[in-house]
């Protein structure tokens, strides 16, 4: 197969995936799931307040292992192909999280299972269990050198725990002769680390991570929160600024764009994969104002989001607005029911103003035409938006 044939085949596959994605959007077909194992967290991050959600609820009401297994059975019956186990810190419930990964893979090996972690509870034993479980991808948060990372994450010693966890994971994969989980470092860029974040690339490559994704800090504007009620219920986003804004000013945004360009130029000298697509997709103005060029919400239509207690949510930033509880009602009577349709209508007609600040949708909520335009721009220009 020559170069041109390979490129045409890749392009054809890409277009087919985009078409299918938009057909699924039209029919509100569940294709993936986001499962909150808990809202409890072992970090107190500067740019995230999800840990505050757990202060006023009874952890005994969180779904048990058997209840989560019933959820997995339902998702499998509905042909969901991607499941992400989320938190808080999902490893707080490792007695549930790890067995549920094993159960997912036992039910259907084709389902891809992802999980993010801050590594505070990822010791050697847990690393071995995660590798054995069949987990496909593990996303590890690391935002910069030791002083910067620990300050951002609000927990002294987190940087060292991340390094140790990476070592445990790499060792376990080698000893068990496993290529999974693929270890991806998530580096969230903000005003706190914009001048130093790239310093971690060499260290994570040396330890043995598979890649790094550069993301952008989320920050919801209060006026948008107040203007985003659905049936009188306001959102409860957890990307809320504590004190000063985490967004970049113009000078910092310009520096970031130049750094992304330099990082891509030096990609070949690294053995790990490096993704800059999120930063590439944002303009200087987007970075400064925290605005996201989303036009649709695929998450609310195609992702089954379930909170720690079994409630189905249209968006994880509306944990107080749910369509029904999967312990009490069959999935078929919850998905696309009246409350779900009401949420989708509010999102579609622009009533949910926080969508303008939703970093979760930068890549997940790209429309068909936006996808075509972005990729054509990046391939032809060989640079991101507003990049020098």
Protein backbone atom coordinates (compact mmCIF):
# COMPACT_ATOMS: atom_id res chain seq x y z
CA UNK A 1 0.00 0.00 0.00
CA UNK A 2 1.59 3.30 -1.10
CA UNK A 3 1.62 6.55 0.88
CA UNK A 4 -1.32 8.15 -0.99
CA UNK A 5 -3.48 5.04 -0.60
CA UNK A 6 -2.78 4.91 3.13
CA UNK A 7 -3.68 8.58 3.52
CA UNK A 8 -6.92 8.17 1.59
CA UNK A 9 -7.85 5.13 3.69
CA UNK A 10 -7.15 7.07 6.89
CA UNK A 11 -9.22 10.01 5.65
CA UNK A 12 -12.10 7.72 4.67
CA UNK A 13 -12.09 6.11 8.13
CA UNK A 14 -11.99 9.54 9.77
CA UNK A 15 -15.00 10.79 7.77
CA UNK A 16 -16.97 7.59 8.53
CA UNK A 17 -16.34 8.03 12.25
CA UNK A 18 -17.51 11.65 12.10
CA UNK A 19 -20.68 10.68 10.20
CA UNK A 20 -21.48 7.90 12.68
CA UNK A 21 -20.86 10.24 15.60
CA UNK A 22 -23.35 12.75 14.25
CA UNK A 23 -25.95 10.08 13.50
CA UNK A 24 -25.59 8.91 17.12
CA UNK A 25 -26.05 12.54 18.19
CA UNK A 26 -29.31 12.85 16.25
CA UNK A 27 -30.73 9.66 17.78
CA UNK A 28 -29.32 10.34 21.28
CA UNK A 29 -27.64 6.95 21.27
CA UNK A 30 -25.51 6.04 24.31
CA UNK A 31 -22.00 5.19 23.13
CA UNK A 32 -19.88 5.81 26.24
CA UNK A 33 -20.26 6.15 30.00
CA UNK A 34 -18.79 8.27 32.78
CA UNK A 35 -19.16 6.58 36.15
CA UNK A 36 -18.47 8.54 39.31
CA UNK A 37 -17.24 5.96 41.80
CA UNK A 38 -17.17 8.68 44.46
CA UNK A 39 -17.02 12.45 44.86
CA UNK A 40 -14.53 12.06 47.71
CA UNK A 41 -11.01 13.15 46.87
CA UNK A 42 -7.52 13.04 48.38
CA UNK A 43 -6.55 16.34 46.74
CA UNK A 44 -7.76 19.89 47.19
CA UNK A 45 -6.85 21.27 43.79
CA UNK A 46 -6.62 24.97 43.16
CA UNK A 47 -8.79 24.76 40.03
CA UNK A 48 -11.31 22.12 41.13
CA UNK A 49 -13.79 21.93 44.01
CA UNK A 50 -15.26 18.46 43.50
CA UNK A 51 -13.86 17.45 46.88
CA UNK A 52 -16.34 19.88 48.48
CA UNK A 53 -19.29 17.84 47.16
CA UNK A 54 -18.49 15.00 49.54
CA UNK A 55 -18.78 17.08 52.70
CA UNK A 56 -22.56 16.81 52.92
CA UNK A 57 -23.39 13.25 51.92
CA UNK A 58 -23.38 9.80 53.42
CA UNK A 59 -20.68 7.66 51.79
CA UNK A 60 -22.69 4.58 52.79
CA UNK A 61 -25.19 5.55 50.08
CA UNK A 62 -22.60 5.17 47.31
CA UNK A 63 -23.33 2.25 44.99
CA UNK A 64 -21.99 -1.10 46.14
CA UNK A 65 -19.92 -3.41 43.95
CA UNK A 66 -22.96 -5.53 43.10
CA UNK A 67 -24.98 -2.43 42.22
CA UNK A 68 -22.20 -1.21 39.92
CA UNK A 69 -22.11 -4.66 38.30
CA UNK A 70 -25.80 -4.27 37.42
CA UNK A 71 -24.95 -0.89 35.88
CA UNK A 72 -22.23 -2.52 33.78
CA UNK A 73 -24.68 -5.20 32.62
CA UNK A 74 -27.06 -2.47 31.47
CA UNK A 75 -24.32 -0.53 29.66
CA UNK A 76 -23.14 -3.69 27.92
CA UNK A 77 -26.70 -4.48 26.81
CA UNK A 78 -26.88 -0.98 25.28
CA UNK A 79 -23.62 -1.48 23.35
CA UNK A 80 -21.60 1.15 25.22
CA UNK A 81 -18.01 0.85 23.98
CA UNK A 82 -16.10 3.17 26.32
CA UNK A 83 -16.35 3.43 30.11
CA UNK A 84 -14.47 5.94 32.24
CA UNK A 85 -14.26 5.43 36.01
CA UNK A 86 -14.11 8.84 37.58
CA UNK A 87 -13.97 10.71 40.89
CA UNK A 88 -13.02 12.56 43.14
CA UNK A 89 -10.33 10.01 43.67
CA UNK A 90 -11.79 6.71 42.49
CA UNK A 91 -9.02 4.79 44.25
CA UNK A 92 -10.57 5.77 47.58
CA UNK A 93 -12.93 2.93 46.59
CA UNK A 94 -10.29 0.60 45.15
CA UNK A 95 -12.16 -2.34 46.72
CA UNK A 96 -14.92 -1.51 44.20
CA UNK A 97 -13.06 0.19 41.36
CA UNK A 98 -10.57 -2.58 40.60
CA UNK A 99 -13.12 -5.44 40.75
CA UNK A 100 -15.46 -3.47 38.50
CA UNK A 101 -12.71 -3.10 35.87
CA UNK A 102 -12.23 -6.86 36.01
CA UNK A 103 -15.98 -7.37 35.68
CA UNK A 104 -16.24 -5.07 32.66
CA UNK A 105 -13.48 -6.96 30.88
CA UNK A 106 -15.04 -10.29 31.80
CA UNK A 107 -18.38 -9.21 30.34
CA UNK A 108 -16.94 -7.71 27.16
CA UNK A 109 -13.23 -7.43 26.39
CA UNK A 110 -13.99 -4.99 23.57
CA UNK A 111 -15.12 -2.28 25.98
CA UNK A 112 -12.35 0.27 26.54
CA UNK A 113 -11.89 1.22 30.20
CA UNK A 114 -10.24 4.49 31.21
CA UNK A 115 -9.46 5.89 34.62
CA UNK A 116 -7.81 9.13 35.83
CA UNK A 117 -5.93 9.32 39.14
CA UNK A 118 -3.91 11.77 41.22
CA UNK A 119 -1.75 8.83 42.42
CA UNK A 120 -2.16 9.61 46.12
CA UNK A 121 -3.36 6.05 46.76
CA UNK A 122 -1.54 4.23 43.96
CA UNK A 123 0.99 2.08 45.81
CA UNK A 124 2.86 -0.96 44.49
CA UNK A 125 0.08 -3.42 45.32
CA UNK A 126 -2.52 -1.23 43.63
CA UNK A 127 -0.31 -0.86 40.54
CA UNK A 128 -0.09 -4.63 40.18
CA UNK A 129 -3.87 -4.97 40.62
CA UNK A 130 -4.57 -2.31 37.99
CA UNK A 131 -2.30 -3.99 35.45
CA UNK A 132 -3.92 -7.37 36.13
CA UNK A 133 -7.43 -5.91 35.95
CA UNK A 134 -7.27 -5.21 32.21
CA UNK A 135 -7.53 -1.43 32.50
CA UNK A 136 -6.84 0.04 29.05
CA UNK A 137 -5.71 3.59 29.83
CA UNK A 138 -4.64 5.29 33.03
CA UNK A 139 -4.51 9.09 33.09
CA UNK A 140 -2.18 10.54 35.71
CA UNK A 141 -2.32 14.19 36.75
CA UNK A 142 1.02 16.02 36.80
CA UNK A 143 1.22 19.77 36.30
CA UNK A 144 4.88 20.69 36.67
CA UNK A 145 7.98 20.47 38.88
CA UNK A 146 7.60 19.45 42.53
CA UNK A 147 6.88 22.81 44.17
CA UNK A 148 4.42 23.88 41.47
CA UNK A 149 2.55 20.58 41.25
CA UNK A 150 2.14 20.22 45.00
CA UNK A 151 0.89 23.79 45.33
CA UNK A 152 -1.66 23.38 42.52
CA UNK A 153 -2.94 20.08 43.89
CA UNK A 154 -3.14 21.38 47.46
CA UNK A 155 -1.36 18.36 48.90
CA UNK A 156 2.32 18.28 49.84
CA UNK A 157 4.16 15.20 48.59
CA UNK A 158 1.85 14.60 45.60
CA UNK A 159 4.65 15.05 43.04
CA UNK A 160 6.80 12.38 44.72
CA UNK A 161 3.83 10.04 44.94
CA UNK A 162 3.20 10.48 41.20
CA UNK A 163 6.80 9.57 40.40
CA UNK A 164 6.69 6.54 42.68
CA UNK A 165 3.37 5.42 41.22
CA UNK A 166 4.74 5.67 37.69
CA UNK A 167 7.68 3.51 38.71
CA UNK A 168 5.35 0.92 40.28
CA UNK A 169 3.16 0.82 37.17
CA UNK A 170 6.04 0.49 34.72
CA UNK A 171 7.58 -2.28 36.85
CA UNK A 172 4.25 -4.13 37.12
CA UNK A 173 3.65 -3.94 33.37
CA UNK A 174 7.13 -5.31 32.71
CA UNK A 175 6.88 -8.13 35.27
CA UNK A 176 3.41 -9.12 34.05
CA UNK A 177 4.41 -8.72 30.37
CA UNK A 178 1.49 -6.37 29.77
CA UNK A 179 1.17 -3.46 27.37
CA UNK A 180 -1.75 -2.06 29.36
CA UNK A 181 -2.71 0.17 30.90
CA UNK A 182 -1.33 2.78 28.55
CA UNK A 183 -0.01 5.44 30.93
CA UNK A 184 -0.87 8.98 29.88
CA UNK A 185 0.13 12.02 31.91
CA UNK A 186 -2.48 14.80 31.94
CA UNK A 187 -0.85 18.20 32.36
CA UNK A 188 -3.38 20.96 33.01
CA UNK A 189 -1.96 24.34 32.04
CA UNK A 190 -2.93 27.44 34.02
CA UNK A 191 -1.41 30.72 35.16
CA UNK A 192 0.26 28.76 37.97
CA UNK A 193 2.45 26.59 35.75
CA UNK A 194 2.54 28.14 32.25
CA UNK A 195 6.24 29.01 32.54
CA UNK A 196 7.40 25.61 33.82
CA UNK A 197 5.03 22.80 32.74
CA UNK A 198 7.25 21.48 29.91
CA UNK A 199 9.96 20.54 32.38
CA UNK A 200 8.15 17.30 33.18
CA UNK A 201 8.37 15.81 29.67
CA UNK A 202 11.85 14.34 29.99
CA UNK A 203 11.27 12.99 33.50
CA UNK A 204 8.07 11.11 32.65
CA UNK A 205 9.67 9.69 29.52
CA UNK A 206 12.64 8.50 31.57
CA UNK A 207 10.37 6.74 34.06
CA UNK A 208 8.39 5.05 31.28
CA UNK A 209 5.06 6.79 30.73
CA UNK A 210 3.57 6.26 27.27
CA UNK A 211 2.53 9.84 26.57
CA UNK A 212 1.41 13.24 27.74
CA UNK A 213 -1.70 15.30 26.99
CA UNK A 214 -1.56 19.05 27.50
CA UNK A 215 -4.94 20.35 28.66
CA UNK A 216 -6.29 23.74 29.70
CA UNK A 217 -7.68 24.78 33.04
CA UNK A 218 -11.46 25.04 33.31
CA UNK A 219 -13.10 28.06 34.85
CA UNK A 220 -16.83 28.75 34.88
CA UNK A 221 -17.99 32.36 35.08
CA UNK A 222 -20.45 33.15 37.86
CA UNK A 223 -22.75 35.09 35.52
CA UNK A 224 -22.97 32.02 33.27
CA UNK A 225 -23.70 29.78 36.25
CA UNK A 226 -26.53 32.06 37.36
CA UNK A 227 -27.94 32.05 33.79
CA UNK A 228 -27.93 28.28 33.32
CA UNK A 229 -30.94 27.04 35.26
CA UNK A 230 -32.83 24.04 33.92
CA UNK A 231 -36.34 23.81 35.35
CA UNK A 232 -35.25 26.26 38.02
CA UNK A 233 -32.19 24.21 39.01
CA UNK A 234 -28.80 25.90 38.72
CA UNK A 235 -25.64 23.97 37.83
CA UNK A 236 -23.05 22.96 40.40
CA UNK A 237 -19.79 23.03 38.40
CA UNK A 238 -16.62 22.00 40.18
CA UNK A 239 -14.22 24.03 38.04
CA UNK A 240 -14.60 27.09 40.24
CA UNK A 241 -11.87 29.62 40.98
CA UNK A 242 -10.69 29.72 44.58
CA UNK A 243 -9.28 33.23 44.88
CA UNK A 244 -7.52 34.63 41.81
CA UNK A 245 -8.34 33.43 38.31
CA UNK A 246 -6.33 30.53 36.91
CA UNK A 247 -6.75 31.73 33.32
CA UNK A 248 -3.85 33.12 31.31
CA UNK A 249 -3.35 36.78 30.48
CA UNK A 250 -2.39 37.80 26.95
CA UNK A 251 1.35 37.60 27.59
CA UNK A 252 1.06 34.14 29.15
CA UNK A 253 -1.24 32.90 26.37
CA UNK A 254 1.28 34.06 23.76
CA UNK A 255 4.07 32.29 25.64
CA UNK A 256 1.97 29.10 25.76
CA UNK A 257 1.32 29.14 22.02
CA UNK A 258 5.04 29.48 21.32
CA UNK A 259 5.82 26.65 23.72
CA UNK A 260 3.32 24.36 21.99
CA UNK A 261 5.03 25.10 18.69
CA UNK A 262 8.46 24.34 20.15
CA UNK A 263 7.20 21.12 21.76
CA UNK A 264 5.77 19.84 18.47
CA UNK A 265 9.02 20.66 16.69
CA UNK A 266 10.94 18.57 19.21
CA UNK A 267 8.50 15.63 19.22
CA UNK A 268 10.83 13.39 17.25
CA UNK A 269 13.46 13.39 19.98
CA UNK A 270 11.01 11.82 22.43
CA UNK A 271 9.84 8.20 22.48
CA UNK A 272 6.53 9.10 24.10
CA UNK A 273 3.56 10.54 22.21
CA UNK A 274 2.73 14.17 22.89
CA UNK A 275 -0.72 15.68 22.32
CA UNK A 276 -1.16 19.44 21.99
CA UNK A 277 -4.56 19.33 20.25
CA UNK A 278 -6.54 20.96 23.07
CA UNK A 279 -4.28 24.00 23.27
CA UNK A 280 -4.02 24.08 19.46
CA UNK A 281 -7.83 24.30 19.24
CA UNK A 282 -8.06 27.42 21.43
CA UNK A 283 -7.30 30.96 20.34
CA UNK A 284 -5.49 33.56 22.43
CA UNK A 285 -8.88 35.07 23.21
CA UNK A 286 -10.26 31.67 24.32
CA UNK A 287 -7.31 31.18 26.66
CA UNK A 288 -7.68 34.64 28.19
CA UNK A 289 -11.46 34.56 28.67
CA UNK A 290 -11.94 30.86 29.35
CA UNK A 291 -14.39 30.57 26.46
CA UNK A 292 -14.78 27.34 24.50
CA UNK A 293 -16.00 27.32 20.87
CA UNK A 294 -18.59 24.57 21.45
CA UNK A 295 -21.79 24.52 19.42
CA UNK A 296 -23.31 21.21 20.44
CA UNK A 297 -23.11 18.92 23.45
CA UNK A 298 -22.40 15.35 22.47
CA UNK A 299 -21.75 14.50 26.12
CA UNK A 300 -25.36 15.07 27.16
CA UNK A 301 -26.67 13.00 24.23
CA UNK A 302 -24.20 10.13 23.92
CA UNK A 303 -22.50 9.71 27.30
CA UNK A 304 -24.27 7.94 30.16
CA UNK A 305 -23.19 9.88 33.25
CA UNK A 306 -23.96 8.23 36.59
CA UNK A 307 -23.20 9.74 39.98
CA UNK A 308 -21.97 7.74 43.02
CA UNK A 309 -25.56 7.02 44.09
CA UNK A 310 -26.94 5.75 40.78
CA UNK A 311 -28.53 8.95 39.45
CA UNK A 312 -28.32 9.58 35.69
CA UNK A 313 -27.10 13.09 34.86
CA UNK A 314 -27.17 15.06 31.64
CA UNK A 315 -23.96 16.77 32.71
CA UNK A 316 -21.60 16.16 35.62
CA UNK A 317 -21.76 19.89 36.35
CA UNK A 318 -25.47 19.43 37.24
CA UNK A 319 -25.22 16.83 39.98
CA UNK A 320 -28.47 18.17 41.50
CA UNK A 321 -30.49 17.64 38.29
CA UNK A 322 -31.01 13.98 37.41
CA UNK A 323 -33.39 12.01 35.18
CA UNK A 324 -33.88 9.08 37.53
CA UNK A 325 -32.03 6.51 39.62
CA UNK A 326 -30.85 3.31 38.00
CA UNK A 327 -31.40 1.37 41.24
CA UNK A 328 -35.08 2.26 41.16
CA UNK A 329 -35.92 2.40 37.44
CA UNK A 330 -34.86 0.50 34.30
CA UNK A 331 -32.41 2.36 32.07
CA UNK A 332 -34.92 2.40 29.20
CA UNK A 333 -37.38 4.45 31.25
CA UNK A 334 -34.72 7.00 32.27
CA UNK A 335 -32.74 7.57 29.07
CA UNK A 336 -34.52 10.07 26.82
CA UNK A 337 -37.36 10.51 29.32
CA UNK A 338 -39.10 13.87 29.80
CA UNK A 339 -36.46 15.30 32.16
CA UNK A 340 -33.65 14.19 29.83
CA UNK A 341 -35.35 15.72 26.80
CA UNK A 342 -35.92 18.95 28.73
CA UNK A 343 -32.20 19.12 29.51
CA UNK A 344 -31.27 18.50 25.87
CA UNK A 345 -33.68 21.21 24.71
CA UNK A 346 -32.17 23.72 27.16
CA UNK A 347 -28.70 22.88 25.92
CA UNK A 348 -29.68 23.05 22.26
CA UNK A 349 -31.46 26.42 22.47
CA UNK A 350 -28.51 28.00 24.29
CA UNK A 351 -30.12 28.33 27.72
CA UNK A 352 -27.20 26.56 29.41
CA UNK A 353 -24.63 29.34 29.42
CA UNK A 354 -21.91 27.36 31.21
CA UNK A 355 -21.36 25.42 27.98
CA UNK A 356 -19.36 28.46 26.89
CA UNK A 357 -16.75 27.61 29.55
CA UNK A 358 -16.79 23.80 29.31
CA UNK A 359 -13.22 22.56 28.83
CA UNK A 360 -14.54 18.97 28.85
CA UNK A 361 -16.07 19.68 25.46
CA UNK A 362 -13.05 21.13 23.65
CA UNK A 363 -12.46 17.85 21.83
CA UNK A 364 -15.57 15.92 22.87
CA UNK A 365 -18.11 18.44 21.57
CA UNK A 366 -16.55 19.38 18.26
CA UNK A 367 -19.14 19.42 15.46
CA UNK A 368 -18.70 17.72 12.09
CA UNK A 369 -17.69 20.95 10.34
CA UNK A 370 -15.48 22.09 13.22
CA UNK A 371 -13.65 18.76 13.09
CA UNK A 372 -13.03 19.05 9.36
CA UNK A 373 -11.91 22.67 9.64
CA UNK A 374 -9.59 22.12 12.60
CA UNK A 375 -7.83 19.13 11.12
CA UNK A 376 -7.47 20.75 7.72
CA UNK A 377 -6.06 23.89 9.37
CA UNK A 378 -3.59 21.96 11.55
CA UNK A 379 -2.41 19.77 8.65
CA UNK A 380 -2.08 22.58 6.11
CA UNK A 381 -0.79 25.31 8.44
CA UNK A 382 1.13 22.88 10.67
CA UNK A 383 0.31 24.99 13.70
CA UNK A 384 -2.48 25.70 16.16
CA UNK A 385 -4.85 28.66 16.14
CA UNK A 386 -3.11 32.00 16.83
CA UNK A 387 0.25 30.27 16.93
CA UNK A 388 3.23 32.34 15.73
